[in-house]
Amino acid sequence: MPYFVYLIITENKNKKRFSYVGYTGNIKKRLNSHNSGKGAKFTRGKKWKLVYYEKYMSKSQAMKNEYRLKKDYKLRKELIINK
């Protein structure tokens, strides 16, 4: 089963941008859960847009790269700009 590491973004009324990184086995279902208020606590109440994802064949590899992307703010910013 493939796993995905994804990056989603949202903006509030003041045009301040927020991003969230996660991993999942079903990217469409996960994005829908974020947008319907059933995702991670941080993502509730906001409209999210998928800007980047990577596919992995193992859960452990996906988790490892999710951790890397969560810690690398510079890379995250670059991915958002290049969306």
Protein backbone atom coordinates (compact mmCIF):
# COMPACT_ATOMS: atom_id res chain seq x y z
CA MET A 1 0.00 0.00 0.00
CA PRO A 2 1.43 3.40 -0.92
CA TYR A 3 1.71 6.23 1.59
CA PHE A 4 1.85 9.95 0.92
CA VAL A 5 3.56 12.85 2.65
CA TYR A 6 1.61 16.02 1.96
CA LEU A 7 1.78 19.76 2.51
CA ILE A 8 -1.40 21.83 2.75
CA ILE A 9 -1.84 25.58 3.21
CA THR A 10 -4.54 28.04 4.23
CA GLU A 11 -4.81 31.80 4.69
CA ASN A 12 -6.78 33.73 7.30
CA LYS A 13 -8.56 37.09 6.90
CA ASN A 14 -5.32 39.01 7.43
CA LYS A 15 -3.60 37.07 4.59
CA LYS A 16 -1.39 35.27 7.09
CA ARG A 17 -0.48 31.87 5.65
CA PHE A 18 -0.41 28.64 7.66
CA SER A 19 0.91 25.26 6.56
CA TYR A 20 0.49 21.70 7.78
CA VAL A 21 2.49 18.55 6.98
CA GLY A 22 1.20 15.01 7.42
CA TYR A 23 1.22 11.50 5.99
CA THR A 24 -1.62 9.24 4.92
CA GLY A 25 -2.58 6.20 2.85
CA ASN A 26 -5.42 8.06 1.07
CA ILE A 27 -4.66 11.66 0.22
CA LYS A 28 -8.13 12.67 -1.07
CA LYS A 29 -9.88 11.26 1.99
CA ARG A 30 -7.39 12.95 4.33
CA LEU A 31 -7.78 16.37 2.67
CA ASN A 32 -11.57 16.02 2.89
CA SER A 33 -11.31 15.22 6.59
CA HIS A 34 -9.14 18.31 7.18
CA ASN A 35 -11.64 20.51 5.35
CA SER A 36 -14.67 19.00 7.11
CA GLY A 37 -13.28 19.63 10.60
CA LYS A 38 -12.41 16.00 11.35
CA GLY A 39 -8.68 16.23 10.74
CA ALA A 40 -5.90 17.22 13.11
CA LYS A 41 -6.88 19.75 15.78
CA PHE A 42 -4.66 22.45 14.19
CA THR A 43 -6.51 22.16 10.86
CA ARG A 44 -10.09 22.43 12.14
CA GLY A 45 -12.20 25.37 11.00
CA LYS A 46 -10.01 26.34 8.05
CA LYS A 47 -10.20 25.67 4.29
CA TRP A 48 -7.05 23.81 3.20
CA LYS A 49 -5.47 23.47 -0.22
CA LEU A 50 -3.03 20.72 -1.22
CA VAL A 51 0.19 22.22 -2.60
CA TYR A 52 2.65 19.30 -2.49
CA TYR A 53 2.79 15.54 -1.99
CA GLU A 54 5.27 12.67 -2.35
CA LYS A 55 4.47 8.96 -2.72
CA TYR A 56 6.29 6.23 -0.76
CA MET A 57 5.94 2.46 -0.81
CA SER A 58 6.50 2.00 2.94
CA LYS A 59 4.93 3.65 5.96
CA SER A 60 8.28 3.98 7.73
CA GLN A 61 9.81 5.88 4.79
CA ALA A 62 6.78 8.19 4.63
CA MET A 63 6.99 8.88 8.38
CA LYS A 64 10.71 9.59 8.14
CA ASN A 65 10.21 12.10 5.33
CA GLU A 66 7.19 13.67 7.03
CA TYR A 67 9.41 14.37 10.04
CA ARG A 68 12.11 15.85 7.78
CA LEU A 69 9.63 18.15 6.04
CA LYS A 70 8.04 19.24 9.35
CA LYS A 71 11.43 20.34 10.67
CA ASP A 72 12.73 21.98 7.47
CA TYR A 73 10.88 25.31 7.36
CA LYS A 74 13.07 26.58 4.54
CA LEU A 75 12.14 23.65 2.29
CA ARG A 76 8.48 24.00 3.22
CA LYS A 77 8.51 27.69 2.28
CA GLU A 78 10.23 26.87 -1.02
CA LEU A 79 7.57 24.24 -1.85
CA ILE A 80 4.79 26.73 -1.10
CA ILE A 81 6.34 29.41 -3.29
CA ASN A 82 6.82 26.96 -6.17
CA LYS A 83 3.24 25.68 -6.00
